[in-house]
mmCIF file of all heavy atoms, coordinates in Angstrom:
data_MODEL
# 
_entry.id   MODEL 
# 
loop_
_atom_site.group_PDB 
_atom_site.id 
_atom_site.type_symbol 
_atom_site.label_atom_id 
_atom_site.label_alt_id 
_atom_site.label_comp_id 
_atom_site.label_asym_id 
_atom_site.label_entity_id 
_atom_site.label_seq_id 
_atom_site.pdbx_PDB_ins_code 
_atom_site.Cartn_x 
_atom_site.Cartn_y 
_atom_site.Cartn_z 
_atom_site.occupancy 
_atom_site.B_iso_or_equiv 
_atom_site.pdbx_formal_charge 
_atom_site.auth_seq_id 
_atom_site.auth_comp_id 
_atom_site.auth_asym_id 
_atom_site.auth_atom_id 
_atom_site.pdbx_PDB_model_num 
ATOM 1   N N   . PRO A 1 1  ? 0.781  -1.212 0.022   1.00 0.00 ? 1  PRO A N   1 
ATOM 2   C CA  . PRO A 1 1  ? -0.004 0.000  0.011   1.00 0.00 ? 1  PRO A CA  1 
ATOM 3   C C   . PRO A 1 1  ? 0.813  1.273  0.031   1.00 0.00 ? 1  PRO A C   1 
ATOM 4   O O   . PRO A 1 1  ? 0.357  2.299  -0.408  1.00 0.00 ? 1  PRO A O   1 
ATOM 5   C CB  . PRO A 1 1  ? -0.863 -0.162 1.249   1.00 0.00 ? 1  PRO A CB  1 
ATOM 6   C CG  . PRO A 1 1  ? -0.254 -1.153 2.098   1.00 0.00 ? 1  PRO A CG  1 
ATOM 7   C CD  . PRO A 1 1  ? 0.538  -2.093 1.179   1.00 0.00 ? 1  PRO A CD  1 
ATOM 8   N N   . ALA A 1 2  ? 2.051  1.218  0.412   1.00 0.00 ? 2  ALA A N   1 
ATOM 9   C CA  . ALA A 1 2  ? 2.921  2.424  0.399   1.00 0.00 ? 2  ALA A CA  1 
ATOM 10  C C   . ALA A 1 2  ? 3.191  2.871  -1.064  1.00 0.00 ? 2  ALA A C   1 
ATOM 11  O O   . ALA A 1 2  ? 3.364  4.015  -1.303  1.00 0.00 ? 2  ALA A O   1 
ATOM 12  C CB  . ALA A 1 2  ? 4.281  2.040  1.060   1.00 0.00 ? 2  ALA A CB  1 
ATOM 13  N N   . GLU A 1 3  ? 3.076  1.920  -1.989  1.00 0.00 ? 3  GLU A N   1 
ATOM 14  C CA  . GLU A 1 3  ? 3.206  2.335  -3.408  1.00 0.00 ? 3  GLU A CA  1 
ATOM 15  C C   . GLU A 1 3  ? 2.022  3.158  -3.921  1.00 0.00 ? 3  GLU A C   1 
ATOM 16  O O   . GLU A 1 3  ? 2.189  4.077  -4.654  1.00 0.00 ? 3  GLU A O   1 
ATOM 17  C CB  . GLU A 1 3  ? 3.429  1.042  -4.310  1.00 0.00 ? 3  GLU A CB  1 
ATOM 18  C CG  . GLU A 1 3  ? 4.760  0.406  -3.994  1.00 0.00 ? 3  GLU A CG  1 
ATOM 19  C CD  . GLU A 1 3  ? 4.994  -0.854 -4.879  1.00 0.00 ? 3  GLU A CD  1 
ATOM 20  O OE1 . GLU A 1 3  ? 4.575  -0.839 -6.046  1.00 0.00 ? 3  GLU A OE1 1 
ATOM 21  O OE2 . GLU A 1 3  ? 5.625  -1.761 -4.335  1.00 0.00 ? 3  GLU A OE2 1 
ATOM 22  N N   . ALA A 1 4  ? 0.788  2.743  -3.435  1.00 0.00 ? 4  ALA A N   1 
ATOM 23  C CA  . ALA A 1 4  ? -0.348 3.496  -3.769  1.00 0.00 ? 4  ALA A CA  1 
ATOM 24  C C   . ALA A 1 4  ? -0.205 4.980  -3.157  1.00 0.00 ? 4  ALA A C   1 
ATOM 25  O O   . ALA A 1 4  ? -0.616 5.959  -3.890  1.00 0.00 ? 4  ALA A O   1 
ATOM 26  C CB  . ALA A 1 4  ? -1.580 2.850  -3.219  1.00 0.00 ? 4  ALA A CB  1 
ATOM 27  N N   . LEU A 1 5  ? 0.278  5.059  -2.010  1.00 0.00 ? 5  LEU A N   1 
ATOM 28  C CA  . LEU A 1 5  ? 0.478  6.324  -1.373  1.00 0.00 ? 5  LEU A CA  1 
ATOM 29  C C   . LEU A 1 5  ? 1.547  7.131  -2.164  1.00 0.00 ? 5  LEU A C   1 
ATOM 30  O O   . LEU A 1 5  ? 1.371  8.353  -2.404  1.00 0.00 ? 5  LEU A O   1 
ATOM 31  C CB  . LEU A 1 5  ? 0.985  6.192  0.061   1.00 0.00 ? 5  LEU A CB  1 
ATOM 32  C CG  . LEU A 1 5  ? 1.277  7.394  0.886   1.00 0.00 ? 5  LEU A CG  1 
ATOM 33  C CD1 . LEU A 1 5  ? 0.002  8.328  0.979   1.00 0.00 ? 5  LEU A CD1 1 
ATOM 34  C CD2 . LEU A 1 5  ? 1.787  7.042  2.271   1.00 0.00 ? 5  LEU A CD2 1 
ATOM 35  N N   . ALA A 1 6  ? 2.631  6.497  -2.532  1.00 0.00 ? 6  ALA A N   1 
ATOM 36  C CA  . ALA A 1 6  ? 3.662  7.203  -3.274  1.00 0.00 ? 6  ALA A CA  1 
ATOM 37  C C   . ALA A 1 6  ? 3.130  7.689  -4.645  1.00 0.00 ? 6  ALA A C   1 
ATOM 38  O O   . ALA A 1 6  ? 3.484  8.734  -5.129  1.00 0.00 ? 6  ALA A O   1 
ATOM 39  C CB  . ALA A 1 6  ? 4.853  6.244  -3.489  1.00 0.00 ? 6  ALA A CB  1 
ATOM 40  N N   . ASP A 1 7  ? 2.250  6.896  -5.256  1.00 0.00 ? 7  ASP A N   1 
ATOM 41  C CA  . ASP A 1 7  ? 1.690  7.247  -6.500  1.00 0.00 ? 7  ASP A CA  1 
ATOM 42  C C   . ASP A 1 7  ? 0.780  8.532  -6.355  1.00 0.00 ? 7  ASP A C   1 
ATOM 43  O O   . ASP A 1 7  ? 0.767  9.367  -7.280  1.00 0.00 ? 7  ASP A O   1 
ATOM 44  C CB  . ASP A 1 7  ? 0.773  6.163  -7.124  1.00 0.00 ? 7  ASP A CB  1 
ATOM 45  C CG  . ASP A 1 7  ? 1.600  4.912  -7.653  1.00 0.00 ? 7  ASP A CG  1 
ATOM 46  O OD1 . ASP A 1 7  ? 2.799  5.097  -7.776  1.00 0.00 ? 7  ASP A OD1 1 
ATOM 47  O OD2 . ASP A 1 7  ? 0.932  3.934  -7.914  1.00 0.00 ? 7  ASP A OD2 1 
ATOM 48  N N   . GLU A 1 8  ? 0.088  8.675  -5.295  1.00 0.00 ? 8  GLU A N   1 
ATOM 49  C CA  . GLU A 1 8  ? -0.792 9.808  -5.065  1.00 0.00 ? 8  GLU A CA  1 
ATOM 50  C C   . GLU A 1 8  ? -0.045 11.019 -4.492  1.00 0.00 ? 8  GLU A C   1 
ATOM 51  O O   . GLU A 1 8  ? -0.528 12.158 -4.682  1.00 0.00 ? 8  GLU A O   1 
ATOM 52  C CB  . GLU A 1 8  ? -1.839 9.406  -4.012  1.00 0.00 ? 8  GLU A CB  1 
ATOM 53  C CG  . GLU A 1 8  ? -2.824 10.509 -3.713  1.00 0.00 ? 8  GLU A CG  1 
ATOM 54  C CD  . GLU A 1 8  ? -3.646 11.029 -4.897  1.00 0.00 ? 8  GLU A CD  1 
ATOM 55  O OE1 . GLU A 1 8  ? -3.763 10.312 -5.933  1.00 0.00 ? 8  GLU A OE1 1 
ATOM 56  O OE2 . GLU A 1 8  ? -4.154 12.168 -4.879  1.00 0.00 ? 8  GLU A OE2 1 
ATOM 57  N N   . ALA A 1 9  ? 1.135  10.938 -3.978  1.00 0.00 ? 9  ALA A N   1 
ATOM 58  C CA  . ALA A 1 9  ? 1.905  11.990 -3.345  1.00 0.00 ? 9  ALA A CA  1 
ATOM 59  C C   . ALA A 1 9  ? 2.052  13.232 -4.236  1.00 0.00 ? 9  ALA A C   1 
ATOM 60  O O   . ALA A 1 9  ? 1.808  14.334 -3.783  1.00 0.00 ? 9  ALA A O   1 
ATOM 61  C CB  . ALA A 1 9  ? 3.227  11.551 -2.849  1.00 0.00 ? 9  ALA A CB  1 
ATOM 62  N N   . PRO A 1 10 ? 2.422  13.053 -5.519  1.00 0.00 ? 10 PRO A N   1 
ATOM 63  C CA  . PRO A 1 10 ? 2.557  14.278 -6.373  1.00 0.00 ? 10 PRO A CA  1 
ATOM 64  C C   . PRO A 1 10 ? 1.265  15.025 -6.531  1.00 0.00 ? 10 PRO A C   1 
ATOM 65  O O   . PRO A 1 10 ? 1.206  16.247 -6.544  1.00 0.00 ? 10 PRO A O   1 
ATOM 66  C CB  . PRO A 1 10 ? 3.056  13.720 -7.748  1.00 0.00 ? 10 PRO A CB  1 
ATOM 67  C CG  . PRO A 1 10 ? 3.591  12.387 -7.403  1.00 0.00 ? 10 PRO A CG  1 
ATOM 68  C CD  . PRO A 1 10 ? 2.872  11.860 -6.267  1.00 0.00 ? 10 PRO A CD  1 
ATOM 69  N N   . ASN A 1 11 ? 0.082  14.309 -6.713  1.00 0.00 ? 11 ASN A N   1 
ATOM 70  C CA  . ASN A 1 11 ? -1.196 14.923 -6.851  1.00 0.00 ? 11 ASN A CA  1 
ATOM 71  C C   . ASN A 1 11 ? -1.568 15.700 -5.537  1.00 0.00 ? 11 ASN A C   1 
ATOM 72  O O   . ASN A 1 11 ? -2.022 16.825 -5.614  1.00 0.00 ? 11 ASN A O   1 
ATOM 73  C CB  . ASN A 1 11 ? -2.298 13.958 -7.219  1.00 0.00 ? 11 ASN A CB  1 
ATOM 74  C CG  . ASN A 1 11 ? -2.016 13.283 -8.505  1.00 0.00 ? 11 ASN A CG  1 
ATOM 75  O OD1 . ASN A 1 11 ? -1.519 13.920 -9.431  1.00 0.00 ? 11 ASN A OD1 1 
ATOM 76  N ND2 . ASN A 1 11 ? -2.390 12.037 -8.564  1.00 0.00 ? 11 ASN A ND2 1 
ATOM 77  N N   . PHE A 1 12 ? -1.357 14.961 -4.455  1.00 0.00 ? 12 PHE A N   1 
ATOM 78  C CA  . PHE A 1 12 ? -1.614 15.609 -3.153  1.00 0.00 ? 12 PHE A CA  1 
ATOM 79  C C   . PHE A 1 12 ? -0.832 16.868 -2.946  1.00 0.00 ? 12 PHE A C   1 
ATOM 80  O O   . PHE A 1 12 ? -1.383 17.965 -2.566  1.00 0.00 ? 12 PHE A O   1 
ATOM 81  C CB  . PHE A 1 12 ? -1.330 14.640 -2.029  1.00 0.00 ? 12 PHE A CB  1 
ATOM 82  C CG  . PHE A 1 12 ? -1.539 15.145 -0.671  1.00 0.00 ? 12 PHE A CG  1 
ATOM 83  C CD1 . PHE A 1 12 ? -2.877 15.120 -0.058  1.00 0.00 ? 12 PHE A CD1 1 
ATOM 84  C CD2 . PHE A 1 12 ? -0.510 15.556 0.123   1.00 0.00 ? 12 PHE A CD2 1 
ATOM 85  C CE1 . PHE A 1 12 ? -3.086 15.676 1.161   1.00 0.00 ? 12 PHE A CE1 1 
ATOM 86  C CE2 . PHE A 1 12 ? -0.746 16.058 1.392   1.00 0.00 ? 12 PHE A CE2 1 
ATOM 87  C CZ  . PHE A 1 12 ? -2.030 16.041 1.925   1.00 0.00 ? 12 PHE A CZ  1 
ATOM 88  N N   . GLU A 1 13 ? 0.426  16.823 -3.249  1.00 0.00 ? 13 GLU A N   1 
ATOM 89  C CA  . GLU A 1 13 ? 1.294  17.978 -3.082  1.00 0.00 ? 13 GLU A CA  1 
ATOM 90  C C   . GLU A 1 13 ? 0.849  19.132 -3.979  1.00 0.00 ? 13 GLU A C   1 
ATOM 91  O O   . GLU A 1 13 ? 0.772  20.305 -3.536  1.00 0.00 ? 13 GLU A O   1 
ATOM 92  C CB  . GLU A 1 13 ? 2.725  17.563 -3.372  1.00 0.00 ? 13 GLU A CB  1 
ATOM 93  C CG  . GLU A 1 13 ? 3.712  18.724 -3.186  1.00 0.00 ? 13 GLU A CG  1 
ATOM 94  C CD  . GLU A 1 13 ? 5.137  18.298 -3.489  1.00 0.00 ? 13 GLU A CD  1 
ATOM 95  O OE1 . GLU A 1 13 ? 5.615  17.282 -2.904  1.00 0.00 ? 13 GLU A OE1 1 
ATOM 96  O OE2 . GLU A 1 13 ? 5.807  18.936 -4.323  1.00 0.00 ? 13 GLU A OE2 1 
ATOM 97  N N   . LYS A 1 14 ? 0.522  18.830 -5.209  1.00 0.00 ? 14 LYS A N   1 
ATOM 98  C CA  . LYS A 1 14 ? 0.120  19.810 -6.151  1.00 0.00 ? 14 LYS A CA  1 
ATOM 99  C C   . LYS A 1 14 ? -1.176 20.561 -5.630  1.00 0.00 ? 14 LYS A C   1 
ATOM 100 O O   . LYS A 1 14 ? -1.239 21.777 -5.587  1.00 0.00 ? 14 LYS A O   1 
ATOM 101 C CB  . LYS A 1 14 ? -0.208 19.277 -7.538  1.00 0.00 ? 14 LYS A CB  1 
ATOM 102 C CG  . LYS A 1 14 ? -0.688 20.285 -8.500  1.00 0.00 ? 14 LYS A CG  1 
ATOM 103 C CD  . LYS A 1 14 ? -1.354 19.651 -9.758  1.00 0.00 ? 14 LYS A CD  1 
ATOM 104 C CE  . LYS A 1 14 ? -1.892 20.592 -10.732 1.00 0.00 ? 14 LYS A CE  1 
ATOM 105 N NZ  . LYS A 1 14 ? -2.852 21.561 -10.195 1.00 0.00 ? 14 LYS A NZ  1 
ATOM 106 N N   . TYR A 1 15 ? -2.165 19.784 -5.236  1.00 0.00 ? 15 TYR A N   1 
ATOM 107 C CA  . TYR A 1 15 ? -3.480 20.432 -4.804  1.00 0.00 ? 15 TYR A CA  1 
ATOM 108 C C   . TYR A 1 15 ? -3.241 21.144 -3.465  1.00 0.00 ? 15 TYR A C   1 
ATOM 109 O O   . TYR A 1 15 ? -3.925 22.170 -3.307  1.00 0.00 ? 15 TYR A O   1 
ATOM 110 C CB  . TYR A 1 15 ? -4.554 19.390 -4.788  1.00 0.00 ? 15 TYR A CB  1 
ATOM 111 C CG  . TYR A 1 15 ? -4.949 18.920 -6.186  1.00 0.00 ? 15 TYR A CG  1 
ATOM 112 C CD1 . TYR A 1 15 ? -4.770 17.566 -6.563  1.00 0.00 ? 15 TYR A CD1 1 
ATOM 113 C CD2 . TYR A 1 15 ? -5.438 19.816 -7.086  1.00 0.00 ? 15 TYR A CD2 1 
ATOM 114 C CE1 . TYR A 1 15 ? -5.072 17.168 -7.786  1.00 0.00 ? 15 TYR A CE1 1 
ATOM 115 C CE2 . TYR A 1 15 ? -5.695 19.433 -8.460  1.00 0.00 ? 15 TYR A CE2 1 
ATOM 116 C CZ  . TYR A 1 15 ? -5.513 18.108 -8.681  1.00 0.00 ? 15 TYR A CZ  1 
ATOM 117 O OH  . TYR A 1 15 ? -5.874 17.642 -10.023 1.00 0.00 ? 15 TYR A OH  1 
ATOM 118 N N   . LEU A 1 16 ? -2.471 20.611 -2.614  1.00 0.00 ? 16 LEU A N   1 
ATOM 119 C CA  . LEU A 1 16 ? -2.223 21.289 -1.315  1.00 0.00 ? 16 LEU A CA  1 
ATOM 120 C C   . LEU A 1 16 ? -1.472 22.581 -1.560  1.00 0.00 ? 16 LEU A C   1 
ATOM 121 O O   . LEU A 1 16 ? -1.873 23.632 -0.959  1.00 0.00 ? 16 LEU A O   1 
ATOM 122 C CB  . LEU A 1 16 ? -1.399 20.381 -0.399  1.00 0.00 ? 16 LEU A CB  1 
ATOM 123 C CG  . LEU A 1 16 ? -1.196 20.853 1.051   1.00 0.00 ? 16 LEU A CG  1 
ATOM 124 C CD1 . LEU A 1 16 ? -2.590 21.085 1.720   1.00 0.00 ? 16 LEU A CD1 1 
ATOM 125 C CD2 . LEU A 1 16 ? -0.382 19.926 1.781   1.00 0.00 ? 16 LEU A CD2 1 
ATOM 126 N N   . LEU A 1 17 ? -0.477 22.582 -2.447  1.00 0.00 ? 17 LEU A N   1 
ATOM 127 C CA  . LEU A 1 17 ? 0.183  23.854 -2.742  1.00 0.00 ? 17 LEU A CA  1 
ATOM 128 C C   . LEU A 1 17 ? -0.742 24.846 -3.438  1.00 0.00 ? 17 LEU A C   1 
ATOM 129 O O   . LEU A 1 17 ? -0.600 26.084 -3.225  1.00 0.00 ? 17 LEU A O   1 
ATOM 130 C CB  . LEU A 1 17 ? 1.394  23.578 -3.618  1.00 0.00 ? 17 LEU A CB  1 
ATOM 131 C CG  . LEU A 1 17 ? 2.569  22.890 -2.887  1.00 0.00 ? 17 LEU A CG  1 
ATOM 132 C CD1 . LEU A 1 17 ? 3.674  22.566 -3.828  1.00 0.00 ? 17 LEU A CD1 1 
ATOM 133 C CD2 . LEU A 1 17 ? 3.109  23.782 -1.728  1.00 0.00 ? 17 LEU A CD2 1 
ATOM 134 N N   . ASP A 1 18 ? -1.680 24.400 -4.292  1.00 0.00 ? 18 ASP A N   1 
ATOM 135 C CA  . ASP A 1 18 ? -2.640 25.318 -4.889  1.00 0.00 ? 18 ASP A CA  1 
ATOM 136 C C   . ASP A 1 18 ? -3.492 25.951 -3.833  1.00 0.00 ? 18 ASP A C   1 
ATOM 137 O O   . ASP A 1 18 ? -3.830 27.151 -3.899  1.00 0.00 ? 18 ASP A O   1 
ATOM 138 C CB  . ASP A 1 18 ? -3.609 24.518 -5.859  1.00 0.00 ? 18 ASP A CB  1 
ATOM 139 C CG  . ASP A 1 18 ? -2.926 24.079 -7.126  1.00 0.00 ? 18 ASP A CG  1 
ATOM 140 O OD1 . ASP A 1 18 ? -1.780 24.509 -7.428  1.00 0.00 ? 18 ASP A OD1 1 
ATOM 141 O OD2 . ASP A 1 18 ? -3.549 23.253 -7.824  1.00 0.00 ? 18 ASP A OD2 1 
ATOM 142 N N   . VAL A 1 19 ? -3.927 25.204 -2.782  1.00 0.00 ? 19 VAL A N   1 
ATOM 143 C CA  . VAL A 1 19 ? -4.737 25.775 -1.691  1.00 0.00 ? 19 VAL A CA  1 
ATOM 144 C C   . VAL A 1 19 ? -3.945 26.794 -0.891  1.00 0.00 ? 19 VAL A C   1 
ATOM 145 O O   . VAL A 1 19 ? -4.390 27.845 -0.521  1.00 0.00 ? 19 VAL A O   1 
ATOM 146 C CB  . VAL A 1 19 ? -5.278 24.634 -0.794  1.00 0.00 ? 19 VAL A CB  1 
ATOM 147 C CG1 . VAL A 1 19 ? -5.761 25.198 0.549   1.00 0.00 ? 19 VAL A CG1 1 
ATOM 148 C CG2 . VAL A 1 19 ? -6.291 23.866 -1.458  1.00 0.00 ? 19 VAL A CG2 1 
ATOM 149 N N   . LEU A 1 20 ? -2.658 26.506 -0.696  1.00 0.00 ? 20 LEU A N   1 
ATOM 150 C CA  . LEU A 1 20 ? -1.822 27.335 0.171   1.00 0.00 ? 20 LEU A CA  1 
ATOM 151 C C   . LEU A 1 20 ? -0.996 28.394 -0.559  1.00 0.00 ? 20 LEU A C   1 
ATOM 152 O O   . LEU A 1 20 ? -0.323 29.167 0.037   1.00 0.00 ? 20 LEU A O   1 
ATOM 153 C CB  . LEU A 1 20 ? -0.813 26.422 0.936   1.00 0.00 ? 20 LEU A CB  1 
ATOM 154 C CG  . LEU A 1 20 ? -1.437 25.347 1.831   1.00 0.00 ? 20 LEU A CG  1 
ATOM 155 C CD1 . LEU A 1 20 ? -0.376 24.478 2.383   1.00 0.00 ? 20 LEU A CD1 1 
ATOM 156 C CD2 . LEU A 1 20 ? -2.338 25.955 2.868   1.00 0.00 ? 20 LEU A CD2 1 
ATOM 157 N N   . GLU A 1 21 ? -1.210 28.483 -1.900  1.00 0.00 ? 21 GLU A N   1 
ATOM 158 C CA  . GLU A 1 21 ? -0.535 29.437 -2.716  1.00 0.00 ? 21 GLU A CA  1 
ATOM 159 C C   . GLU A 1 21 ? -0.638 30.875 -2.080  1.00 0.00 ? 21 GLU A C   1 
ATOM 160 O O   . GLU A 1 21 ? -1.706 31.300 -1.785  1.00 0.00 ? 21 GLU A O   1 
ATOM 161 C CB  . GLU A 1 21 ? -1.084 29.487 -4.119  1.00 0.00 ? 21 GLU A CB  1 
ATOM 162 C CG  . GLU A 1 21 ? -0.292 30.300 -5.087  1.00 0.00 ? 21 GLU A CG  1 
ATOM 163 C CD  . GLU A 1 21 ? -0.733 30.236 -6.512  1.00 0.00 ? 21 GLU A CD  1 
ATOM 164 O OE1 . GLU A 1 21 ? -1.357 29.163 -6.868  1.00 0.00 ? 21 GLU A OE1 1 
ATOM 165 O OE2 . GLU A 1 21 ? -0.513 31.133 -7.270  1.00 0.00 ? 21 GLU A OE2 1 
ATOM 166 N N   . GLY A 1 22 ? 0.492  31.477 -1.945  1.00 0.00 ? 22 GLY A N   1 
ATOM 167 C CA  . GLY A 1 22 ? 0.589  32.860 -1.367  1.00 0.00 ? 22 GLY A CA  1 
ATOM 168 C C   . GLY A 1 22 ? 0.646  32.911 0.089   1.00 0.00 ? 22 GLY A C   1 
ATOM 169 O O   . GLY A 1 22 ? 0.903  34.011 0.605   1.00 0.00 ? 22 GLY A O   1 
ATOM 170 N N   . LEU A 1 23 ? 0.419  31.778 0.804   1.00 0.00 ? 23 LEU A N   1 
ATOM 171 C CA  . LEU A 1 23 ? 0.504  31.862 2.214   1.00 0.00 ? 23 LEU A CA  1 
ATOM 172 C C   . LEU A 1 23 ? 1.906  31.373 2.793   1.00 0.00 ? 23 LEU A C   1 
ATOM 173 O O   . LEU A 1 23 ? 2.220  31.642 3.863   1.00 0.00 ? 23 LEU A O   1 
ATOM 174 C CB  . LEU A 1 23 ? -0.591 30.858 2.847   1.00 0.00 ? 23 LEU A CB  1 
ATOM 175 C CG  . LEU A 1 23 ? -1.987 31.349 2.593   1.00 0.00 ? 23 LEU A CG  1 
ATOM 176 C CD1 . LEU A 1 23 ? -2.988 30.298 3.106   1.00 0.00 ? 23 LEU A CD1 1 
ATOM 177 C CD2 . LEU A 1 23 ? -2.272 32.755 3.195   1.00 0.00 ? 23 LEU A CD2 1 
ATOM 178 N N   . ILE A 1 24 ? 2.575  30.582 1.956   1.00 0.00 ? 24 ILE A N   1 
ATOM 179 C CA  . ILE A 1 24 ? 3.937  30.071 2.402   1.00 0.00 ? 24 ILE A CA  1 
ATOM 180 C C   . ILE A 1 24 ? 5.010  30.472 1.453   1.00 0.00 ? 24 ILE A C   1 
ATOM 181 O O   . ILE A 1 24 ? 4.750  30.805 0.384   1.00 0.00 ? 24 ILE A O   1 
ATOM 182 C CB  . ILE A 1 24 ? 3.958  28.608 2.716   1.00 0.00 ? 24 ILE A CB  1 
ATOM 183 C CG1 . ILE A 1 24 ? 3.322  27.778 1.518   1.00 0.00 ? 24 ILE A CG1 1 
ATOM 184 C CG2 . ILE A 1 24 ? 3.210  28.242 3.971   1.00 0.00 ? 24 ILE A CG2 1 
ATOM 185 C CD1 . ILE A 1 24 ? 3.375  26.293 1.673   1.00 0.00 ? 24 ILE A CD1 1 
# 
């Protein structure tokens, strides 16, 4: 299951950074 998590990590990071854009 760690591979499924690793596959999703780039998407998670992208969307999280979109939400936080301009705050950090």
